[in-house]
């Protein structure tokens, strides 16, 4: 399967939604190098399309994404240190690219989202899961570690929950994942499309650059002390007041009309 075939792209012009479908159903959408490269390339293309207001990621077949590709895991035994480092760095770069993507991202999860698949969902801004969805980081069960996603996961669910997930390797159902903060909303399968469209419609009402700035701030604040964060945030607050979006948003509010980006 080529990288082109490993994903499928749909675009809803009315909603401004680009949907990336993982298209390796026979492999439960395992994260092969080819699939990761295809995903990263598509994100690079979508970030520059102004008509795209949010991106959804979902899986074809019975699973969202069941983790790493087994054939590539077998190949790890024969790979050199340099080859393993190159593969690890490429996976890190992809997760960072998704985590910091300037447009809102929504994972639509059905079936298993495990290991790297759980990391893929966790790197999205919103996760809508069906009741049959499962989540987990079972890497320790095969002598491996969820090293890269640990860094991002800890900021999302707290260290106590991250330790639980990464040390136990246990699998969570959708409701427990929701309580833990891995999932934004749980729905029955029949309601998944409606919930996704409702969220996309809501996001379309918001200022695109303001949302991109919020996402950039979340990323940078992770590495700052509380004091440094507040100093920088006050500067960002001042900057935001002078943007074209802010001027338009205030004018639209006072004139009781929709802002131009929401029309």
Protein backbone atom coordinates (compact mmCIF):
# COMPACT_ATOMS: atom_id res chain seq x y z
CA UNK A 1 0.00 0.00 0.00
CA UNK A 2 1.41 3.40 -0.96
CA UNK A 3 1.42 6.41 1.33
CA UNK A 4 -1.27 7.90 -0.88
CA UNK A 5 -3.51 4.89 -0.28
CA UNK A 6 -2.73 4.73 3.46
CA UNK A 7 -5.01 7.72 4.09
CA UNK A 8 -8.11 9.10 2.42
CA UNK A 9 -9.09 12.77 2.45
CA UNK A 10 -12.58 14.27 2.37
CA UNK A 11 -13.44 17.97 2.44
CA UNK A 12 -16.77 19.47 3.46
CA UNK A 13 -16.66 22.95 1.95
CA UNK A 14 -19.83 24.11 3.71
CA UNK A 15 -18.38 23.40 7.15
CA UNK A 16 -14.72 23.94 6.25
CA UNK A 17 -13.89 20.47 7.59
CA UNK A 18 -11.11 18.27 6.23
CA UNK A 19 -11.40 14.62 7.29
CA UNK A 20 -8.34 12.36 7.25
CA UNK A 21 -9.28 8.68 7.25
CA UNK A 22 -6.65 6.12 8.24
CA UNK A 23 -7.02 3.54 5.50
CA UNK A 24 -5.27 0.36 6.60
CA UNK A 25 -8.31 -1.54 7.89
CA UNK A 26 -6.67 -4.95 7.35
CA UNK A 27 -3.91 -3.83 9.76
CA UNK A 28 -6.35 -2.10 12.15
CA UNK A 29 -4.85 1.18 10.86
CA UNK A 30 -1.48 0.45 12.47
CA UNK A 31 0.95 3.36 12.44
CA UNK A 32 3.49 2.27 9.87
CA UNK A 33 6.25 4.66 8.82
CA UNK A 34 4.41 5.09 5.53
CA UNK A 35 1.17 6.02 7.27
CA UNK A 36 2.89 8.46 9.63
CA UNK A 37 4.65 10.13 6.68
CA UNK A 38 1.36 10.40 4.78
CA UNK A 39 -0.38 11.93 7.79
CA UNK A 40 2.42 14.42 8.36
CA UNK A 41 2.45 15.45 4.72
CA UNK A 42 -1.30 15.98 4.69
CA UNK A 43 -1.13 18.13 7.84
CA UNK A 44 1.54 20.26 6.16
CA UNK A 45 -0.76 20.80 3.18
CA UNK A 46 -3.89 21.51 5.23
CA UNK A 47 -2.30 24.10 7.51
CA UNK A 48 -1.92 26.48 4.57
CA UNK A 49 -5.50 26.16 3.28
CA UNK A 50 -7.54 29.03 4.71
CA UNK A 51 -10.79 27.37 3.75
CA UNK A 52 -10.00 24.48 6.11
CA UNK A 53 -11.24 25.50 9.55
CA UNK A 54 -10.77 22.21 11.39
CA UNK A 55 -9.41 18.71 10.77
CA UNK A 56 -10.99 15.41 11.79
CA UNK A 57 -9.07 12.16 12.04
CA UNK A 58 -10.83 8.80 12.00
CA UNK A 59 -10.15 5.20 11.05
CA UNK A 60 -11.66 3.01 8.34
CA UNK A 61 -12.66 -0.49 9.36
CA UNK A 62 -13.14 -1.93 12.85
CA UNK A 63 -10.50 0.14 14.66
CA UNK A 64 -9.43 3.75 15.02
CA UNK A 65 -5.76 2.78 15.32
CA UNK A 66 -4.40 -0.23 17.19
CA UNK A 67 -0.84 1.06 17.57
CA UNK A 68 2.44 0.37 15.83
CA UNK A 69 2.80 -1.84 12.79
CA UNK A 70 3.78 -5.38 13.87
CA UNK A 71 6.08 -5.88 10.90
CA UNK A 72 8.02 -2.78 11.86
CA UNK A 73 8.14 -3.87 15.51
CA UNK A 74 9.76 -7.14 14.38
CA UNK A 75 12.27 -5.15 12.35
CA UNK A 76 13.36 -3.26 15.47
CA UNK A 77 15.37 -6.30 16.56
CA UNK A 78 17.64 -6.02 13.54
CA UNK A 79 17.79 -2.22 13.30
CA UNK A 80 20.87 -0.25 14.29
CA UNK A 81 20.87 2.37 17.03
CA UNK A 82 21.01 5.07 14.37
CA UNK A 83 18.05 3.59 12.49
CA UNK A 84 15.98 3.35 15.66
CA UNK A 85 16.86 6.94 16.57
CA UNK A 86 15.84 8.18 13.12
CA UNK A 87 12.50 6.34 13.34
CA UNK A 88 11.87 7.59 16.89
CA UNK A 89 12.69 11.18 15.97
CA UNK A 90 10.36 11.02 12.97
CA UNK A 91 7.52 9.77 15.19
CA UNK A 92 8.25 12.53 17.71
CA UNK A 93 8.18 15.16 14.98
CA UNK A 94 4.83 13.86 13.74
CA UNK A 95 3.21 13.92 17.19
CA UNK A 96 4.49 17.45 17.78
CA UNK A 97 3.20 18.51 14.36
CA UNK A 98 -0.26 17.20 15.23
CA UNK A 99 -0.23 18.54 18.80
CA UNK A 100 0.75 22.04 17.63
CA UNK A 101 -1.33 22.08 14.43
CA UNK A 102 -2.78 25.64 14.22
CA UNK A 103 -6.34 24.57 13.41
CA UNK A 104 -8.62 22.64 15.79
CA UNK A 105 -8.27 18.87 15.47
CA UNK A 106 -10.92 16.28 16.34
CA UNK A 107 -10.34 12.55 16.71
CA UNK A 108 -13.42 10.42 16.05
CA UNK A 109 -12.68 7.14 17.80
CA UNK A 110 -14.44 3.82 17.42
CA UNK A 111 -12.97 0.49 18.42
CA UNK A 112 -9.38 0.27 19.71
CA UNK A 113 -7.15 3.32 20.09
CA UNK A 114 -4.08 1.71 21.62
CA UNK A 115 -0.41 2.60 22.08
CA UNK A 116 0.52 4.97 19.23
CA UNK A 117 -3.15 5.02 18.25
CA UNK A 118 -4.06 6.32 21.68
CA UNK A 119 -1.25 8.84 21.31
CA UNK A 120 -2.68 9.91 17.97
CA UNK A 121 -6.06 10.58 19.56
CA UNK A 122 -4.50 12.24 22.61
CA UNK A 123 -2.64 14.74 20.43
CA UNK A 124 -5.92 16.04 19.02
CA UNK A 125 -7.75 18.94 20.67
CA UNK A 126 -11.01 17.03 20.97
CA UNK A 127 -11.76 13.31 21.14
CA UNK A 128 -15.30 12.09 20.47
CA UNK A 129 -15.59 8.37 21.19
CA UNK A 130 -18.27 5.79 20.61
CA UNK A 131 -19.19 3.50 23.50
CA UNK A 132 -17.28 0.61 21.94
CA UNK A 133 -14.03 2.60 21.87
CA UNK A 134 -11.11 1.47 24.02
CA UNK A 135 -7.96 3.33 25.01
CA UNK A 136 -4.63 2.35 26.48
CA UNK A 137 -0.84 2.32 26.42
CA UNK A 138 0.04 -1.41 26.62
CA UNK A 139 3.69 -0.99 25.58
CA UNK A 140 5.13 -2.27 28.89
CA UNK A 141 3.41 -5.61 28.26
CA UNK A 142 5.89 -6.29 25.44
CA UNK A 143 8.93 -4.71 27.09
CA UNK A 144 8.53 -1.39 25.31
CA UNK A 145 7.70 2.09 26.63
CA UNK A 146 5.32 4.89 25.51
CA UNK A 147 8.18 7.35 25.82
CA UNK A 148 7.21 10.12 23.43
CA UNK A 149 3.51 10.32 24.27
CA UNK A 150 4.28 10.27 28.02
CA UNK A 151 5.53 13.83 27.75
CA UNK A 152 2.33 15.07 26.13
CA UNK A 153 0.00 12.79 28.08
CA UNK A 154 1.22 14.02 31.47
CA UNK A 155 0.20 17.57 30.62
CA UNK A 156 -3.25 16.42 29.58
CA UNK A 157 -4.32 14.03 32.32
CA UNK A 158 -1.84 14.72 35.14
CA UNK A 159 1.06 12.59 36.32
CA UNK A 160 -1.00 10.28 38.55
CA UNK A 161 -3.27 9.24 35.67
CA UNK A 162 -0.35 9.08 33.23
CA UNK A 163 1.51 6.76 35.61
CA UNK A 164 -1.58 4.58 35.88
CA UNK A 165 -1.88 4.26 32.11
CA UNK A 166 1.80 3.84 31.26
CA UNK A 167 2.80 1.50 34.12
CA UNK A 168 -0.28 -0.74 34.17
CA UNK A 169 -0.69 -0.96 30.41
CA UNK A 170 -4.38 -1.53 31.06
CA UNK A 171 -7.18 -0.83 28.60
CA UNK A 172 -9.89 1.72 29.43
CA UNK A 173 -13.42 1.79 28.12
CA UNK A 174 -14.77 5.04 26.71
CA UNK A 175 -16.48 6.14 29.92
CA UNK A 176 -13.37 5.75 32.08
CA UNK A 177 -11.28 7.46 29.41
CA UNK A 178 -13.76 10.33 29.55
CA UNK A 179 -13.52 10.58 33.33
CA UNK A 180 -9.74 10.58 33.09
CA UNK A 181 -9.69 13.38 30.54
CA UNK A 182 -8.56 11.39 27.50
CA UNK A 183 -11.95 11.80 25.83
CA UNK A 184 -14.04 14.94 25.37
CA UNK A 185 -17.39 13.27 24.74
CA UNK A 186 -18.85 9.75 24.57
CA UNK A 187 -21.73 8.98 22.20
CA UNK A 188 -23.51 5.96 20.78
CA UNK A 189 -22.25 5.03 17.33
CA UNK A 190 -25.36 6.38 15.61
CA UNK A 191 -24.71 9.83 17.07
CA UNK A 192 -21.02 10.10 16.15
CA UNK A 193 -21.51 11.97 12.88
CA UNK A 194 -23.97 14.41 14.42
CA UNK A 195 -21.71 15.14 17.39
CA UNK A 196 -18.75 15.72 15.09
CA UNK A 197 -20.69 18.08 12.83
CA UNK A 198 -22.10 19.98 15.80
CA UNK A 199 -18.61 20.54 17.21
CA UNK A 200 -17.23 21.57 13.81
CA UNK A 201 -20.11 24.03 13.36
CA UNK A 202 -19.44 25.51 16.79
CA UNK A 203 -15.71 25.90 16.07
CA UNK A 204 -16.44 27.62 12.75
CA UNK A 205 -17.99 30.51 14.70
CA UNK A 206 -14.65 31.24 16.37
CA UNK A 207 -11.86 33.44 15.02
CA UNK A 208 -9.30 31.20 13.23
CA UNK A 209 -6.16 33.13 14.16
CA UNK A 210 -7.31 33.56 17.75
CA UNK A 211 -7.69 29.78 18.05
CA UNK A 212 -4.27 29.27 16.46
CA UNK A 213 -2.76 31.67 19.00
CA UNK A 214 -4.46 29.86 21.89
CA UNK A 215 -3.00 26.56 20.68
CA UNK A 216 0.47 28.08 20.33
CA UNK A 217 0.23 29.47 23.85
CA UNK A 218 -0.73 26.11 25.36
CA UNK A 219 2.35 24.59 23.74
CA UNK A 220 4.77 27.25 24.96
CA UNK A 221 3.29 27.53 28.45
CA UNK A 222 4.22 23.91 29.19
CA UNK A 223 7.86 24.90 29.54
CA UNK A 224 7.37 28.09 31.58
CA UNK A 225 7.18 28.80 35.25
CA UNK A 226 3.95 30.31 36.56
CA UNK A 227 5.60 33.73 36.83
CA UNK A 228 7.14 33.65 33.34
CA UNK A 229 3.88 32.35 31.91
CA UNK A 230 1.89 35.23 33.35
CA UNK A 231 4.37 37.81 32.06
CA UNK A 232 4.26 36.34 28.56
CA UNK A 233 0.47 35.89 28.69
CA UNK A 234 -0.05 39.55 29.56
CA UNK A 235 2.01 40.53 26.50
CA UNK A 236 -0.03 38.15 24.35
CA UNK A 237 -3.21 39.64 25.78
CA UNK A 238 -2.07 43.11 24.74
CA UNK A 239 -1.09 41.89 21.28
CA UNK A 240 -4.46 40.21 20.74
CA UNK A 241 -6.30 43.46 21.39
CA UNK A 242 -4.75 45.05 18.30
CA UNK A 243 -5.41 42.25 15.79
CA UNK A 244 -7.78 42.60 12.85
CA UNK A 245 -9.80 39.69 14.20
CA UNK A 246 -10.32 41.38 17.53
CA UNK A 247 -11.38 44.64 15.87
CA UNK A 248 -13.81 42.76 13.65
CA UNK A 249 -15.15 40.68 16.53
CA UNK A 250 -15.84 43.72 18.71
CA UNK A 251 -17.42 45.60 15.81
CA UNK A 252 -19.66 42.64 14.99
CA UNK A 253 -20.72 42.31 18.63
CA UNK A 254 -21.62 46.00 18.88
CA UNK A 255 -23.41 45.95 15.52
CA UNK A 256 -25.28 42.75 16.43
CA UNK A 257 -24.07 40.79 13.38
CA UNK A 258 -21.93 37.77 12.70
CA UNK A 259 -18.18 38.42 12.39
CA UNK A 260 -16.88 38.01 8.86
CA UNK A 261 -15.04 34.76 9.62
CA UNK A 262 -18.33 33.12 10.67
CA UNK A 263 -20.34 34.13 7.60
